[in-house]
Protein backbone atom coordinates (compact mmCIF):
# COMPACT_ATOMS: atom_id res chain seq x y z
CA MET A 1 0.00 0.00 0.00
CA PHE A 2 1.22 3.46 -0.85
CA GLN A 3 2.40 5.26 2.29
CA LEU A 4 2.78 9.03 2.61
CA PRO A 5 6.22 10.16 3.79
CA GLU A 6 6.48 11.63 7.26
CA ARG A 7 5.72 15.34 7.19
CA THR A 8 8.71 17.54 8.07
CA ALA A 9 7.97 20.72 6.14
CA PRO A 10 5.78 23.44 7.71
CA ARG A 11 2.09 23.59 6.88
CA LEU A 12 1.34 26.71 4.87
CA LEU A 13 -1.45 29.26 4.90
CA LEU A 14 -0.52 31.48 1.97
CA ASP A 15 -1.66 35.02 1.19
CA GLN A 16 -3.80 35.37 4.28
CA ARG A 17 -5.55 38.75 4.16
CA VAL A 18 -5.00 40.69 7.37
CA PRO A 19 -7.44 43.61 7.80
CA MET A 20 -6.19 47.04 8.84
CA ARG A 21 -8.32 49.62 10.62
CA ASP A 22 -8.79 51.66 7.41
CA GLY A 23 -10.08 48.68 5.39
CA VAL A 24 -6.82 47.90 3.58
CA THR A 25 -5.74 44.25 3.75
CA LEU A 26 -2.12 43.12 3.99
CA SER A 27 -0.82 39.77 2.79
CA ALA A 28 0.80 37.32 5.18
CA ASP A 29 2.17 33.83 4.67
CA ILE A 30 1.76 31.62 7.75
CA TYR A 31 4.12 28.73 8.46
CA LEU A 32 2.73 26.30 11.04
CA PRO A 33 4.68 23.46 12.70
CA PRO A 34 4.68 20.25 10.62
CA THR A 35 2.69 18.32 13.22
CA GLY A 36 0.42 19.00 16.15
CA ASP A 37 -2.76 20.96 16.64
CA GLY A 38 -1.40 23.99 18.48
CA PRO A 39 -1.98 26.63 19.50
CA TRP A 40 1.59 27.90 19.33
CA PRO A 41 3.40 31.13 20.11
CA ALA A 42 3.83 33.22 16.98
CA ILE A 43 6.77 35.14 15.51
CA LEU A 44 6.02 38.03 13.16
CA GLN A 45 8.36 39.40 10.54
CA ARG A 46 7.24 42.33 8.39
CA THR A 47 9.21 43.29 5.27
CA PRO A 48 9.15 45.58 2.23
CA TYR A 49 11.48 43.17 0.36
CA ASP A 50 8.98 40.41 -0.58
CA ASN A 51 8.11 37.82 2.03
CA THR A 52 8.93 34.99 -0.40
CA MET A 53 12.67 35.82 -0.42
CA GLU A 54 14.77 32.75 0.30
CA LEU A 55 16.17 34.09 3.58
CA TRP A 56 12.68 34.70 4.97
CA VAL A 57 11.48 31.26 3.87
CA GLN A 58 14.48 29.62 5.54
CA LEU A 59 13.82 31.48 8.79
CA ALA A 60 10.11 30.69 8.71
CA THR A 61 10.83 27.01 8.12
CA PHE A 62 13.37 26.91 10.94
CA PHE A 63 11.04 28.41 13.53
CA ALA A 64 8.01 26.39 12.42
CA ARG A 65 10.04 23.22 12.88
CA HIS A 66 10.87 24.41 16.40
CA GLY A 67 7.26 24.83 17.43
CA TYR A 68 6.33 28.36 16.38
CA ALA A 69 3.73 29.77 14.06
CA PHE A 70 5.78 32.07 11.83
CA VAL A 71 4.01 34.97 10.12
CA SER A 72 5.83 36.65 7.22
CA GLN A 73 4.05 39.74 5.98
CA ASP A 74 4.49 42.17 3.09
CA VAL A 75 4.11 45.70 4.44
CA ARG A 76 1.50 48.08 3.06
CA GLY A 77 1.79 48.78 -0.67
CA ARG A 78 4.47 46.16 -1.28
CA CYS A 79 4.20 42.88 -3.20
CA ASP A 80 0.93 41.09 -2.32
CA SER A 81 -0.30 43.68 0.19
CA ASP A 82 -2.80 46.37 -0.73
CA GLY A 83 -2.61 50.08 0.00
CA ALA A 84 -0.18 52.86 -0.89
CA TRP A 85 3.50 52.52 0.04
CA GLU A 86 5.31 55.31 1.85
CA PRO A 87 8.42 54.17 3.72
CA PHE A 88 8.15 54.06 7.52
CA VAL A 89 4.94 56.08 7.79
CA ASN A 90 2.27 53.37 8.31
CA GLU A 91 4.25 50.74 10.17
CA GLY A 92 3.02 51.60 13.67
CA PRO A 93 -0.74 51.21 13.12
CA ASP A 94 -0.27 48.38 10.60
CA GLY A 95 2.02 46.49 12.98
CA HIS A 96 -0.45 46.94 15.83
CA ASP A 97 -3.39 45.67 13.78
CA THR A 98 -1.41 42.70 12.48
CA ILE A 99 -0.35 41.64 15.99
CA VAL A 100 -3.94 41.86 17.25
CA TRP A 101 -5.08 39.73 14.31
CA ILE A 102 -2.40 37.11 14.98
CA GLY A 103 -3.21 36.96 18.68
CA GLN A 104 -6.84 36.16 17.90
CA GLN A 105 -6.16 33.29 15.48
CA PRO A 106 -6.93 29.73 16.62
CA TRP A 107 -3.35 28.61 15.86
CA CYS A 108 -1.84 31.29 18.18
CA ASN A 109 -1.66 30.91 21.97
CA GLY A 110 -1.76 34.67 22.51
CA LYS A 111 1.99 35.30 22.65
CA VAL A 112 3.57 37.15 19.70
CA GLY A 113 7.22 37.99 19.20
CA MET A 114 8.77 40.04 16.42
CA MET A 115 12.09 39.76 14.61
CA GLY A 116 13.83 41.27 11.61
CA GLY A 117 16.70 43.50 10.61
CA SER A 118 17.12 47.00 9.19
CA TYR A 119 13.65 48.06 8.02
CA GLY A 120 12.43 44.86 9.66
CA GLY A 121 13.95 46.16 12.89
CA PHE A 122 12.26 49.55 12.66
CA VAL A 123 8.80 48.04 12.14
CA GLN A 124 9.11 46.30 15.51
CA TRP A 125 9.65 49.58 17.35
CA ALA A 126 6.90 51.30 15.38
CA ALA A 127 4.52 48.54 16.49
CA ALA A 128 5.77 48.51 20.10
CA LYS A 129 5.12 52.25 20.29
CA GLU A 130 1.41 51.42 19.73
CA ARG A 131 1.44 48.92 22.64
CA PRO A 132 -0.65 46.19 21.00
CA PRO A 133 -1.98 43.36 23.17
CA TYR A 134 -0.30 39.97 22.63
CA LEU A 135 3.11 41.52 21.78
CA THR A 136 5.52 39.75 24.16
CA ALA A 137 9.16 40.10 23.01
CA LEU A 138 11.37 41.61 20.27
CA VAL A 139 14.64 40.67 18.62
CA SER A 140 15.67 43.96 17.03
CA THR A 141 18.56 43.81 14.58
CA ALA A 142 20.27 46.82 12.98
CA ALA A 143 17.12 48.91 13.33
CA ALA A 144 17.04 52.45 11.96
CA GLY A 145 15.67 55.04 14.33
CA ARG A 146 17.93 57.98 15.21
CA TRP A 147 16.22 60.14 12.64
CA MET A 148 18.38 62.92 11.16
CA GLU A 149 21.41 61.70 13.13
CA GLU A 150 21.54 58.31 11.43
CA ALA A 151 18.94 58.18 8.66
CA PRO A 152 18.34 59.52 6.11
CA TYR A 153 20.65 62.38 7.16
CA ARG A 154 23.68 62.09 9.41
CA PHE A 155 23.94 65.28 11.40
CA GLY A 156 22.92 67.38 8.43
CA VAL A 157 24.68 65.31 5.76
CA PHE A 158 22.45 63.43 3.29
CA ALA A 159 23.45 60.16 1.60
CA PRO A 160 23.02 59.63 -2.19
CA TYR A 161 22.63 55.91 -1.36
CA TRP A 162 18.99 56.57 -0.50
CA ILE A 163 18.05 56.96 -4.17
CA TRP A 164 19.17 53.36 -4.69
CA TRP A 165 17.05 52.15 -1.76
CA LEU A 166 14.00 54.22 -2.71
CA ASN A 167 14.25 52.89 -6.26
CA LEU A 168 14.64 49.31 -5.02
CA VAL A 169 11.35 49.52 -3.12
CA GLY A 170 9.76 52.16 -5.34
CA GLY A 171 7.34 49.82 -7.10
CA ARG A 172 5.03 47.13 -5.85
CA THR A 173 7.79 44.55 -6.40
CA LEU A 174 11.56 44.82 -6.04
CA GLN A 175 13.03 46.77 -8.92
CA GLN A 176 16.12 44.55 -8.99
CA PRO A 177 17.67 41.79 -6.87
CA VAL A 178 18.83 43.34 -3.62
CA TYR A 179 22.56 42.77 -4.11
CA ALA A 180 22.65 42.76 -7.91
CA GLN A 181 25.73 44.06 -9.71
CA ARG A 182 24.68 45.10 -13.18
CA GLU A 183 25.55 47.66 -15.81
CA VAL A 184 22.07 49.22 -15.82
CA PRO A 185 21.17 51.37 -13.92
CA ASP A 186 24.52 53.15 -14.03
CA TRP A 187 24.81 53.78 -10.32
CA PRO A 188 28.25 55.46 -10.31
CA ARG A 189 26.92 58.07 -12.75
CA ILE A 190 23.66 58.48 -10.83
CA PHE A 191 25.27 58.84 -7.41
CA THR A 192 27.66 61.53 -8.68
CA HIS A 193 25.04 63.52 -10.62
CA ARG A 194 24.54 67.17 -9.76
CA PRO A 195 22.31 68.70 -8.51
CA LEU A 196 21.60 66.16 -5.79
CA ARG A 197 17.85 66.83 -5.85
CA ASP A 198 17.68 65.44 -9.40
CA LEU A 199 19.26 62.05 -8.74
CA ASP A 200 15.84 60.55 -9.30
CA LEU A 201 15.68 62.13 -12.77
CA ALA A 202 19.21 60.91 -13.51
CA LEU A 203 17.92 57.44 -12.69
CA GLY A 204 14.98 57.85 -15.03
CA ARG A 205 11.87 58.87 -13.07
CA THR A 206 10.60 61.27 -10.44
CA ASN A 207 10.66 59.81 -6.94
CA THR A 208 8.30 61.77 -4.70
CA VAL A 209 9.67 60.30 -1.45
CA TRP A 210 13.22 61.29 -2.42
CA ARG A 211 12.06 64.85 -2.94
CA LYS A 212 10.03 64.86 0.27
CA TRP A 213 13.04 63.74 2.30
CA LEU A 214 15.17 66.51 0.82
CA GLU A 215 12.51 69.04 1.77
CA HIS A 216 12.40 67.78 5.36
CA ASP A 217 16.02 68.51 6.21
CA THR A 218 15.53 69.16 9.94
CA PHE A 219 14.14 67.05 12.77
CA ASP A 220 10.64 68.36 12.15
CA GLU A 221 7.21 66.82 12.68
CA TYR A 222 7.65 64.53 9.66
CA TRP A 223 10.52 62.72 11.38
CA ARG A 224 9.37 63.27 14.96
CA ARG A 225 6.22 61.21 14.41
CA LEU A 226 8.44 58.24 13.52
CA SER A 227 10.68 58.65 16.55
CA LEU A 228 10.55 56.66 19.78
CA ILE A 229 11.78 59.62 21.84
CA GLY A 230 9.35 60.05 24.73
CA HIS A 231 7.78 56.60 24.26
CA PHE A 232 10.24 54.17 25.84
CA SER A 233 8.65 54.55 29.29
CA ARG A 234 5.47 52.97 27.88
CA ILE A 235 7.13 49.91 26.31
CA ASP A 236 7.35 46.98 28.71
CA LEU A 237 8.98 44.25 26.62
CA PRO A 238 12.12 42.10 26.83
CA VAL A 239 14.32 42.89 23.84
CA LEU A 240 17.43 41.37 22.33
CA HIS A 241 19.32 44.11 20.45
CA ILE A 242 21.82 43.08 17.74
CA THR A 243 24.18 45.33 15.79
CA GLY A 244 27.76 45.51 14.50
CA TRP A 245 30.74 47.82 14.77
CA PHE A 246 30.46 48.53 11.03
CA ASP A 247 26.68 48.48 10.82
CA GLY A 248 25.39 51.73 9.32
CA ASP A 249 22.32 51.47 11.55
CA GLN A 250 24.32 50.90 14.72
CA TRP A 251 23.33 54.39 15.90
CA GLY A 252 19.67 53.43 15.61
CA GLU A 253 19.95 50.11 17.44
CA LEU A 254 21.97 51.65 20.26
CA HIS A 255 19.44 54.49 20.44
CA TYR A 256 16.75 51.90 21.19
CA TRP A 257 19.03 50.14 23.68
CA HIS A 258 19.80 53.34 25.60
CA GLY A 259 16.16 54.43 25.51
CA MET A 260 14.91 51.15 26.94
CA VAL A 261 17.64 50.90 29.59
CA ARG A 262 17.04 54.47 30.75
CA GLU A 263 13.25 54.64 30.65
CA SER A 264 11.46 51.32 30.10
CA PRO A 265 9.76 49.29 32.84
CA ALA A 266 11.63 46.41 31.21
CA ALA A 267 15.02 48.08 31.66
CA ASP A 268 16.38 44.93 33.35
CA ARG A 269 15.21 42.73 30.46
CA GLN A 270 17.34 44.25 27.70
CA TRP A 271 20.24 42.37 26.13
CA LEU A 272 22.77 43.60 23.58
CA ILE A 273 25.07 41.78 21.14
CA ILE A 274 27.61 43.73 19.04
CA GLY A 275 29.88 41.86 16.63
CA PRO A 276 32.54 42.80 14.03
CA TRP A 277 29.89 42.99 11.33
CA ASP A 278 28.57 45.36 8.72
CA HIS A 279 24.85 45.87 8.12
CA ALA A 280 24.32 42.57 6.28
CA GLY A 281 26.62 40.74 8.68
CA THR A 282 24.28 41.38 11.59
CA ARG A 283 22.02 38.73 10.05
CA THR A 284 24.58 36.56 8.25
CA PRO A 285 27.89 37.01 10.12
CA ARG A 286 31.16 36.59 8.26
CA GLN A 287 34.70 36.06 9.47
CA GLN A 288 36.28 38.64 7.18
CA LEU A 289 35.36 42.21 6.34
CA GLY A 290 37.22 44.73 4.25
CA GLY A 291 40.35 42.63 4.13
CA ARG A 292 40.51 42.13 7.89
CA ASP A 293 40.12 38.66 9.39
CA PHE A 294 38.33 38.62 12.74
CA GLY A 295 38.77 34.89 13.27
CA PRO A 296 36.23 32.07 13.42
CA GLU A 297 34.66 33.44 16.63
CA ALA A 298 33.12 36.24 14.55
CA VAL A 299 30.74 33.74 12.93
CA VAL A 300 27.86 32.95 15.28
CA ASP A 301 24.62 31.02 14.78
CA MET A 302 22.03 33.78 14.60
CA LYS A 303 19.10 31.38 14.30
CA ALA A 304 20.13 29.60 17.49
CA ILE A 305 20.51 32.94 19.30
CA HIS A 306 17.02 34.00 18.24
CA LEU A 307 15.55 30.61 19.15
CA ARG A 308 17.00 30.63 22.67
CA PHE A 309 15.61 34.11 23.32
CA PHE A 310 12.14 33.29 21.99
CA ASP A 311 12.04 29.94 23.81
CA ARG A 312 12.54 31.82 27.07
CA TRP A 313 10.07 34.65 26.52
CA LEU A 314 7.42 33.06 24.29
CA LYS A 315 7.48 29.49 25.62
CA GLY A 316 8.69 30.03 29.17
CA VAL A 317 11.57 27.58 28.80
CA ASP A 318 14.01 27.92 31.70
CA ASN A 319 17.11 27.96 29.48
CA GLY A 320 19.02 30.66 31.35
CA ALA A 321 18.53 33.35 28.72
CA ASP A 322 17.03 35.69 31.33
CA ARG A 323 20.14 35.24 33.51
CA ASP A 324 22.66 36.11 30.80
CA ARG A 325 24.80 39.15 31.42
CA ARG A 326 23.30 42.12 29.71
CA VAL A 327 25.93 42.89 27.08
CA ARG A 328 28.02 40.67 24.82
CA ILE A 329 30.60 42.42 22.68
CA PHE A 330 33.31 41.31 20.28
CA THR A 331 36.55 43.18 20.87
CA MET A 332 38.61 43.60 17.74
CA GLY A 333 42.37 43.28 18.07
CA THR A 334 42.00 40.37 20.47
CA ASN A 335 39.15 38.97 18.31
CA ALA A 336 37.31 37.64 21.34
CA TRP A 337 33.84 37.89 22.84
CA ARG A 338 33.28 39.09 26.36
CA ASP A 339 30.28 39.75 28.59
CA GLU A 340 29.53 42.95 30.46
CA ASP A 341 26.77 44.18 32.75
CA THR A 342 26.39 47.57 31.06
CA TRP A 343 26.99 49.36 27.80
CA PRO A 344 29.36 51.14 27.67
CA PRO A 345 31.31 48.95 30.09
CA ALA A 346 31.57 50.21 33.65
CA GLY A 347 34.80 52.00 34.48
CA THR A 348 35.45 53.31 30.98
CA ALA A 349 37.43 56.57 31.15
CA VAL A 350 37.13 59.31 28.54
CA VAL A 351 40.74 60.19 27.72
CA PRO A 352 41.61 63.14 25.48
CA LEU A 353 44.26 62.68 22.80
CA TYR A 354 45.19 66.03 21.30
CA PHE A 355 45.87 67.07 17.74
CA ARG A 356 49.38 68.45 17.31
CA SER A 357 51.42 69.52 14.29
CA GLY A 358 53.75 72.12 12.86
CA GLY A 359 51.01 73.23 10.48
CA ARG A 360 51.36 70.52 7.87
CA ALA A 361 49.21 67.54 8.91
CA ASN A 362 48.10 66.97 5.31
CA THR A 363 48.45 63.38 4.04
CA LEU A 364 50.24 60.40 5.52
CA ALA A 365 53.52 62.17 4.92
CA GLY A 366 52.51 65.18 7.03
CA ASP A 367 53.56 66.12 10.55
CA GLY A 368 50.23 65.56 12.30
CA ARG A 369 50.47 63.91 15.71
CA LEU A 370 47.98 62.57 18.26
CA SER A 371 49.34 63.22 21.73
CA PRO A 372 48.25 62.79 25.36
CA GLU A 373 49.86 66.19 25.98
CA PRO A 374 47.73 69.25 25.13
CA PRO A 375 49.29 72.14 23.23
CA ALA A 376 50.77 74.59 25.75
CA GLY A 377 50.60 77.63 23.49
CA ASP A 378 50.04 78.41 19.84
CA GLU A 379 50.68 75.97 17.04
CA PRO A 380 50.00 76.78 13.39
CA ALA A 381 46.64 75.60 12.08
CA ASP A 382 46.44 72.82 9.53
CA THR A 383 44.69 73.99 6.36
CA TYR A 384 43.48 72.35 3.19
CA THR A 385 41.39 73.11 0.13
CA TYR A 386 38.05 71.36 -0.23
CA ASN A 387 36.79 71.47 -3.81
CA PRO A 388 33.25 70.05 -4.28
CA ASP A 389 34.17 69.27 -7.89
CA ASP A 390 37.02 67.07 -6.63
CA PRO A 391 35.69 65.82 -3.27
CA THR A 392 37.57 63.47 -0.97
CA PRO A 393 36.30 60.03 -2.03
CA SER A 394 34.67 57.42 0.20
CA VAL A 395 35.67 54.47 -2.01
CA PRO A 396 38.77 53.74 -4.09
CA ASP A 397 36.71 52.64 -7.10
CA LEU A 398 33.32 54.07 -8.08
CA GLY A 399 32.75 51.13 -10.41
CA GLY A 400 31.71 48.87 -7.53
CA LEU A 401 28.83 51.06 -6.38
CA PRO A 402 26.40 50.59 -4.76
CA PHE A 403 28.09 47.49 -3.33
CA GLY A 404 31.61 46.25 -2.96
CA ASP A 405 33.85 44.76 -0.32
CA TYR A 406 35.94 47.88 0.10
CA PRO A 407 39.09 47.71 2.23
CA LEU A 408 39.14 48.97 5.80
CA ASP A 409 42.71 50.03 5.08
CA ASN A 410 42.26 53.67 4.09
CA ARG A 411 45.82 54.62 3.14
CA TRP A 412 44.71 55.12 -0.48
CA ARG A 413 42.59 58.04 0.78
CA LEU A 414 45.16 59.50 3.13
CA ARG A 415 47.53 60.37 0.30
CA ARG A 416 45.29 63.28 -0.70
CA ASP A 417 46.23 66.79 0.39
CA ASP A 418 42.62 67.50 1.46
CA VAL A 419 42.87 64.99 4.34
CA LEU A 420 44.50 65.84 7.66
CA VAL A 421 46.14 62.93 9.46
CA TYR A 422 46.99 62.81 13.18
CA THR A 423 48.81 59.70 14.41
CA SER A 424 50.06 58.70 17.84
CA GLU A 425 53.45 57.27 18.67
CA PRO A 426 53.61 53.46 18.69
CA LEU A 427 51.95 52.18 21.84
CA GLU A 428 54.22 50.74 24.51
CA GLU A 429 51.45 48.43 25.74
CA ASP A 430 48.04 47.25 24.60
CA LEU A 431 45.31 49.87 24.90
CA GLU A 432 41.59 49.13 24.63
CA LEU A 433 39.07 51.65 23.32
CA THR A 434 35.50 50.51 23.87
CA GLY A 435 32.51 52.82 23.75
CA HIS A 436 31.36 55.98 22.00
CA PRO A 437 34.28 58.09 20.67
CA PHE A 438 33.84 61.81 20.01
CA VAL A 439 36.07 64.30 18.22
CA VAL A 440 36.12 67.89 19.47
CA LEU A 441 37.13 69.94 16.46
CA HIS A 442 38.09 73.61 16.53
CA ALA A 443 37.85 74.63 12.91
CA ALA A 444 37.16 77.47 10.51
CA SER A 445 36.25 77.93 6.87
CA ASP A 446 36.29 80.87 4.48
CA CYS A 447 32.80 79.83 3.28
CA PRO A 448 29.36 80.12 4.94
CA ASP A 449 29.07 76.34 5.29
CA THR A 450 31.14 73.18 4.95
CA ASP A 451 31.27 69.62 6.26
CA TRP A 452 33.54 67.88 8.73
CA HIS A 453 34.21 64.14 8.35
CA VAL A 454 36.39 62.36 10.90
CA SER A 455 37.57 58.79 11.29
CA LEU A 456 39.37 56.68 13.89
CA CYS A 457 41.93 54.15 12.66
CA ASP A 458 44.10 51.34 14.00
CA VAL A 459 47.56 51.65 12.42
CA LEU A 460 49.49 48.39 12.27
CA PRO A 461 53.30 48.20 12.44
CA ASP A 462 53.46 47.54 8.69
CA GLY A 463 51.62 50.83 8.02
CA ARG A 464 48.18 49.40 7.34
CA SER A 465 45.53 51.91 8.51
CA ASP A 466 42.23 50.18 9.29
CA GLN A 467 39.31 52.56 9.71
CA LEU A 468 37.31 51.41 12.75
CA THR A 469 34.65 54.10 12.95
CA SER A 470 33.71 57.52 11.63
CA GLY A 471 31.36 60.46 12.05
CA CYS A 472 30.38 63.69 10.34
CA LEU A 473 28.68 67.04 10.90
CA ARG A 474 27.48 69.76 8.54
CA ALA A 475 28.69 73.05 10.01
CA ALA A 476 25.34 74.81 9.53
CA TYR A 477 23.73 72.18 11.83
CA ARG A 478 26.16 72.73 14.69
CA GLY A 479 23.40 74.16 16.89
CA GLY A 480 21.10 71.16 16.57
CA LEU A 481 18.87 69.43 14.06
CA GLU A 482 15.48 70.87 14.96
CA ALA A 483 15.97 74.51 13.94
CA ARG A 484 16.82 75.81 10.50
CA PRO A 485 20.54 75.45 9.79
CA GLU A 486 22.57 78.61 10.37
CA PRO A 487 25.52 79.68 8.21
CA ILE A 488 28.90 80.07 9.83
CA GLU A 489 30.87 83.28 9.82
CA PRO A 490 33.77 82.90 7.38
CA GLY A 491 37.09 82.89 9.18
CA ARG A 492 35.62 82.37 12.64
CA VAL A 493 36.78 79.38 14.70
CA TYR A 494 33.91 77.20 15.96
CA GLU A 495 33.90 74.21 18.26
CA TYR A 496 32.27 71.12 16.78
CA ARG A 497 31.56 67.98 18.81
CA ILE A 498 31.36 65.10 16.36
CA GLU A 499 29.99 61.72 17.40
CA LEU A 500 31.55 58.59 15.91
CA MET A 501 29.91 55.18 15.82
CA ALA A 502 30.72 53.03 18.83
CA THR A 503 33.62 50.60 18.63
CA SER A 504 35.63 48.11 20.65
CA ASN A 505 39.24 47.54 19.68
CA VAL A 506 42.47 46.65 21.43
CA PHE A 507 45.28 48.66 19.88
CA ARG A 508 48.14 46.23 20.26
CA ARG A 509 51.58 47.13 21.47
CA GLY A 510 53.43 48.72 18.56
CA HIS A 511 50.19 49.86 16.90
CA ARG A 512 49.27 53.53 16.63
CA ILE A 513 45.99 55.43 17.00
CA ARG A 514 45.03 57.69 14.11
CA VAL A 515 42.36 60.35 13.53
CA THR A 516 41.68 61.84 10.11
CA VAL A 517 39.78 64.99 9.15
CA ALA A 518 38.35 65.93 5.76
CA SER A 519 35.38 67.88 4.37
CA ALA A 520 33.94 65.18 2.12
CA ASN A 521 33.33 61.44 2.07
CA TYR A 522 31.84 61.18 -1.39
CA PRO A 523 29.62 59.60 -2.64
CA ALA A 524 28.79 57.82 0.64
CA SER A 525 27.86 61.31 1.84
CA ALA A 526 26.54 64.11 -0.35
CA ARG A 527 29.11 66.82 -0.98
CA ASN A 528 28.62 70.21 0.60
CA PRO A 529 28.65 73.01 -2.01
CA ASN A 530 30.02 75.38 0.68
CA THR A 531 27.29 77.91 -0.14
CA ASN A 532 24.81 77.27 2.69
CA ALA A 533 22.27 76.22 0.07
CA ARG A 534 19.54 73.81 1.16
CA THR A 535 20.26 70.12 0.80
CA GLY A 536 20.00 69.09 -2.84
CA HIS A 537 20.57 72.59 -4.20
CA ASP A 538 24.21 72.18 -5.13
CA ASP A 539 23.89 73.65 -8.64
CA GLN A 540 26.60 76.19 -7.75
CA VAL A 541 29.63 75.38 -5.62
CA ARG A 542 32.44 77.28 -3.93
CA VAL A 543 35.94 76.08 -3.20
CA ALA A 544 36.59 76.25 0.55
CA ARG A 545 39.80 76.85 2.43
CA ASN A 546 39.31 75.04 5.72
CA GLY A 547 41.47 74.92 8.81
CA VAL A 548 41.76 72.86 11.99
CA PHE A 549 43.21 74.56 15.07
CA HIS A 550 45.15 73.03 17.95
CA THR A 551 46.29 75.58 20.48
CA ALA A 552 45.82 76.14 24.19
CA ALA A 553 42.69 78.13 23.36
CA TYR A 554 41.49 75.73 20.65
CA PRO A 555 42.48 72.19 21.74
CA SER A 556 41.14 69.92 19.01
CA ARG A 557 41.14 66.37 20.33
CA LEU A 558 39.82 62.83 20.26
CA LEU A 559 37.77 61.81 23.29
CA ALA A 560 38.78 58.17 23.51
CA PRO A 561 36.71 55.71 25.60
CA VAL A 562 39.60 53.89 27.26
CA VAL A 563 39.00 50.73 29.26
CA ARG A 564 42.52 50.29 30.56
CA PRO A 565 44.29 52.98 32.61
CA ALA A 566 45.15 56.12 30.68
CA PRO A 567 48.66 56.63 29.29
CA ALA A 568 51.08 58.56 31.46
CA GLY A 569 50.46 62.30 31.23
CA ALA A 570 46.92 61.95 29.89
CA GLY A 571 44.18 64.02 31.49
CA ARG A 572 40.46 63.47 31.80
CA ASP A 573 37.62 65.07 29.88
CA SER A 574 33.92 65.18 30.63
CA GLU A 575 31.73 62.60 28.89
CA PRO A 576 30.04 64.13 25.84
CA ARG A 577 26.35 63.55 25.30
CA GLY A 578 24.35 62.66 22.23
CA ARG A 579 20.87 61.27 21.70
CA GLY A 580 22.30 57.77 21.34
CA ALA A 581 25.27 58.14 23.64
CA PRO A 582 25.27 57.34 27.35
CA GLY A 583 23.93 60.06 29.60
C-alpha cells in the first residue's frame, strides 16, 4: 500500500488577508509546525522586500520546525499587500493591527514575538510604540531610528545611497535583486550627478519620497512622528538588540538600547550583542570584512541565538537566557567575545588625545600627531582646500557602487592633500578603546558652510591603517537638528563635537591610534557646495579653504573611551552627550 512520507515541512497558509483599521488588507504567509494541533506562540516578521525571499522562507521554516507559528508579511503597498506605500509612515498602526489579528487566530496561543533586521527592525519599534496586546518580546537587529542623526541624514549630511534604496522599493515589487551588480542602472553616474535633488531624474523617473526627504532637512514633525523619543517609558517588553561595529544602523539600534535601559519598565530585560559585522553581517555574520580577518569566533549562529531568546520569553523555557549578562561584545584586536553588565562597560574613562602639528598635517607624509599632551601655546593651524568638484572620495573605485567589499585600510585616501592625518606614537602596551568616541574639532572655513568628516583608525606596524569608525557634521547644523541650519561666519573658529559610531578595539603594542579629518566622504555622503544652500541645491559650488586649530585656546582632540588605565600624562575630559550616547 502506498504510504505518505512523514511530514517535516511546515504547513502553509498562503496570502492570508490581514485587515487594517482603514479597510486595507495586507498579505501574510503563515508557516505552522509540521505536526500538532497547536496553538503555538507566533513570531512576526514584516518586510518591504517580498516575504517569499529565500532568507525569509528559511527562517520561517526553521522556527516552524521548532514549534512556532511564523508569520511573514508584506508591508503596506508592497508585493501582495494592498494600499499605498510610503516608507516608515504606516508601520506603527499596521504592525499593531497585524499583531492583534495574529493573537486572535486559533493557531496562536496569545503570545507574539517580532524579529527582523534593518527596516524589519524599525517596524518592531513602530509597532511597540502602539502597545498592542499579545506583543511579548522583540529581537531587534540593525534597526534604523535615530532620525536625522543616522537616517536619512547624518547630522545634516544626506546620503546619495537613498536613491538606490527608494528605487529598489519604489514599485510594488523589487526593482532589482537586492545585491545585484549590473551595468544598468549606471549607479556610479547616478550617485555623482549634480544637482543632488535630481538624482531621481538621472535614474529615469521622479521619486516623490526622495524629494520629500530633501525638503524635510531638519528634525521636524515629519521625522518626529516616527521617533521613539518620549515613548520608551510605555514599552514593557524584553528585547534582544543586535548590531555591529560597522553596521550603518548601529546608531539606531543603540538608540533603542539606551532608551529602553534608561526609561522602560523592562530596563532589566534588555540584552545587547555587538559583533565585528557590517549591516548585512548582523544577520549573516562573516569572518572577514574589508580585508581584515576577525577569526572564526566572529561567525555565530544567529538562528540559534534567536531561538534561545524566543524559547525563554514566548514558551517560558528555563534555558538561562534571562540570567545572561546584559551585554556581549566582540573586541577587535583580540578577536574575542566578552560579557559585560552595562553598555558602555563600567569604568570606561574618557581620555583626550590632542591634535598636534607644525602646520602641515596633510596626508600620511605630514607632521600631524595625536598626543596625550595638550598644546601649551600656539601651534600653526592645519589647512586644506576642499573642492566640491574634486571631493575626498569614500571608495577607491566608483565602479563597484552601490556594493563592494571595500578595504578597511584607508591609506589610499590619506595620500590626498585635502585629508589631515593625526597619528600617535607606537603604543608601549596594549590599549583598549570601547565605547562611544567623540572628536572635538576647533575649525574654521572661508565659506558660509562646509562639512567635517572624521575617522578613527588602528595603524598596524606595517603601516596598514584600518578605519574602525567615523562620524560627520554639517557646520550649519552645529546648533542642533530641529531649527533651521545657520551659516557660519567665514574665518571664525567654531567648536564642533562630532559623534563617531561606537567601537571596541584593542590597539596592540606597537600599533598607533590615528584620527583623520576631511570635508567630504563622497559619494557615501553628499558633498557640501560650501554655499549654505539647502540640501539638494548644489547647482553652484564654492571652493573652501578650511582649517583645523590646535592651540591652548582651541584644543582639538579625540575623546577616547579607554578601558585600561590612561597613558602617562593623559588628562580626563567630561563625557560628551548625544541622543544615542550614554547620559
